[in-house]
Amino acid sequence: MKEKVKKLEEQISFLQNEVSQMSDEIFTQQKEILLLKKEILFLKDKVDSIETNTEDVNSIKDTPPPHY
């Protein structure tokens, strides 16, 4: 009986260690995901800004000169 209890305690200890490692990894990944989301939003804003500026320039180019 003592051997079974010892084996179960070892398994529990191993599983607790695994859960702790997984929890740490998930925490790290969540931080990374948040950072990547912020970077994506920044880049999206930048692209939108560039598109807006490009549209402004294109509308000026497409306008015929005043003497037409």
Protein backbone atom coordinates (compact mmCIF):
# COMPACT_ATOMS: atom_id res chain seq x y z
CA MET A 1 0.00 0.00 0.00
CA LYS A 2 2.82 2.39 0.83
CA GLU A 3 4.36 1.78 -2.57
CA LYS A 4 1.13 2.72 -4.32
CA VAL A 5 0.82 5.90 -2.29
CA LYS A 6 4.43 6.81 -3.04
CA LYS A 7 3.90 6.19 -6.75
CA LEU A 8 0.74 8.32 -6.73
CA GLU A 9 2.58 11.13 -4.93
CA GLU A 10 5.32 11.02 -7.55
CA GLN A 11 2.76 11.19 -10.34
CA ILE A 12 0.99 14.10 -8.67
CA SER A 13 4.26 15.92 -8.23
CA PHE A 14 5.14 15.36 -11.88
CA LEU A 15 1.73 16.57 -13.03
CA GLN A 16 1.91 19.65 -10.80
CA ASN A 17 5.26 20.50 -12.32
CA GLU A 18 3.87 20.04 -15.85
CA VAL A 19 0.84 22.21 -15.10
CA SER A 20 3.07 24.91 -13.68
CA GLN A 21 5.28 24.87 -16.78
CA MET A 22 2.26 25.01 -19.05
CA SER A 23 0.81 27.88 -17.08
CA ASP A 24 4.05 29.83 -17.40
CA GLU A 25 4.15 29.17 -21.13
CA ILE A 26 0.54 30.26 -21.59
CA PHE A 27 1.22 33.45 -19.66
CA THR A 28 4.23 34.19 -21.89
CA GLN A 29 2.22 33.48 -25.03
CA GLN A 30 -0.62 35.73 -23.87
CA LYS A 31 1.80 38.61 -23.39
CA GLU A 32 3.25 37.97 -26.83
CA ILE A 33 -0.21 37.83 -28.42
CA LEU A 34 -1.14 41.16 -26.85
CA LEU A 35 2.06 42.72 -28.13
CA LEU A 36 1.45 41.34 -31.62
CA LYS A 37 -2.13 42.65 -31.60
CA LYS A 38 -0.85 46.11 -30.72
CA GLU A 39 1.71 45.93 -33.52
CA ILE A 40 -0.95 44.83 -36.00
CA LEU A 41 -3.19 47.74 -35.01
CA PHE A 42 -0.28 50.14 -35.36
CA LEU A 43 0.57 48.79 -38.81
CA LYS A 44 -3.09 48.87 -39.85
CA ASP A 45 -3.32 52.52 -38.85
CA LYS A 46 -0.13 53.24 -40.74
CA VAL A 47 -1.41 51.52 -43.89
CA ASP A 48 -4.72 53.37 -43.61
CA SER A 49 -2.84 56.62 -43.29
CA ILE A 50 -0.71 55.86 -46.33
CA GLU A 51 -3.80 54.90 -48.33
CA THR A 52 -5.51 58.13 -47.36
CA ASN A 53 -2.48 60.19 -48.34
CA THR A 54 -2.18 58.30 -51.61
CA GLU A 55 -5.85 58.92 -52.40
CA ASP A 56 -5.36 62.62 -51.75
CA VAL A 57 -2.37 62.73 -54.08
CA ASN A 58 -4.22 60.73 -56.75
CA SER A 59 -7.22 63.02 -56.60
CA ILE A 60 -4.90 65.99 -57.17
CA LYS A 61 -3.23 64.22 -60.10
CA ASP A 62 -6.59 63.33 -61.68
CA THR A 63 -7.87 66.88 -61.53
CA PRO A 64 -7.40 68.60 -64.85
CA PRO A 65 -5.42 71.82 -64.84
CA PRO A 66 -7.48 74.99 -64.54
CA HIS A 67 -7.01 76.02 -68.18
CA TYR A 68 -9.06 73.05 -69.47
